[in-house]
Amino acid sequence: MAEPSLDALVEALRRSVAAGQERAVQGALLQQLEDASNVHFMSEELMMRLHAWERYEQHVEEHRRLL
């Protein structure tokens, strides 16, 4: 079974907040979103390094600001 996409996790968190679910539920969703974002960013950064992308450092800094 595939992991949920970042978009799906953001939407699930949005719905949880809108529905007034418990903070524990929202916290779990937020943790899933953070974990999935870290995996996404790490794989993206690896690809950028493998291809010697000239804006690597700037893009990595954007990732750090998001988290």
Protein backbone atom coordinates (compact mmCIF):
# COMPACT_ATOMS: atom_id res chain seq x y z
CA MET A 1 0.00 0.00 0.00
CA ALA A 2 1.41 3.37 -1.01
CA GLU A 3 2.05 6.14 1.47
CA PRO A 4 -0.30 9.15 1.23
CA SER A 5 0.94 12.05 -0.88
CA LEU A 6 1.96 15.34 0.67
CA ASP A 7 -1.18 16.91 -0.82
CA ALA A 8 -3.35 14.20 0.76
CA LEU A 9 -1.73 14.74 4.15
CA VAL A 10 -2.20 18.51 3.96
CA GLU A 11 -5.86 17.97 3.05
CA ALA A 12 -6.36 15.47 5.87
CA LEU A 13 -4.85 17.94 8.35
CA ARG A 14 -7.01 20.77 6.99
CA ARG A 15 -10.14 18.64 7.37
CA SER A 16 -9.14 17.56 10.85
CA VAL A 17 -8.73 21.17 11.98
CA ALA A 18 -11.98 22.23 10.28
CA ALA A 19 -13.84 19.37 11.99
CA GLY A 20 -12.38 20.31 15.37
CA GLN A 21 -10.81 16.91 15.95
CA GLU A 22 -8.67 16.35 19.01
CA ARG A 23 -5.19 17.84 19.07
CA ALA A 24 -3.74 14.32 19.31
CA VAL A 25 -5.28 13.46 15.93
CA GLN A 26 -4.04 16.71 14.42
CA GLY A 27 -0.61 16.18 15.95
CA ALA A 28 -0.37 12.71 14.45
CA LEU A 29 -1.30 14.07 11.02
CA LEU A 30 1.19 16.89 11.38
CA GLN A 31 3.91 14.40 12.31
CA GLN A 32 3.06 12.28 9.26
CA LEU A 33 3.27 15.39 7.09
CA GLU A 34 6.63 16.35 8.57
CA ASP A 35 8.01 12.83 8.12
CA ALA A 36 6.77 12.59 4.52
CA SER A 37 8.17 16.04 3.75
CA ASN A 38 11.57 15.04 5.10
CA VAL A 39 11.63 11.92 2.92
CA HIS A 40 10.55 13.93 -0.13
CA PHE A 41 13.15 16.63 0.49
CA MET A 42 15.95 14.12 1.09
CA SER A 43 15.23 12.29 -2.16
CA GLU A 44 14.94 15.56 -4.06
CA GLU A 45 18.22 16.83 -2.61
CA LEU A 46 19.95 13.58 -3.57
CA MET A 47 18.77 13.96 -7.17
CA MET A 48 19.94 17.58 -7.26
CA ARG A 49 23.38 16.56 -5.99
CA LEU A 50 23.65 13.66 -8.44
CA HIS A 51 22.95 16.07 -11.29
CA ALA A 52 25.15 18.86 -9.84
CA TRP A 53 22.27 21.31 -9.96
CA GLU A 54 23.63 24.86 -9.71
CA ARG A 55 20.85 26.07 -7.35
CA TYR A 56 21.27 23.18 -4.91
CA GLU A 57 22.25 25.28 -1.88
CA GLN A 58 19.44 27.81 -2.40
CA HIS A 59 16.84 25.10 -2.83
CA VAL A 60 18.01 23.21 0.26
CA GLU A 61 17.66 26.45 2.21
CA GLU A 62 14.04 26.69 0.99
CA HIS A 63 13.44 23.21 2.35
CA ARG A 64 14.90 24.18 5.72
CA ARG A 65 12.66 27.25 5.93
CA LEU A 66 9.58 25.14 5.25
CA LEU A 67 10.35 22.76 8.07
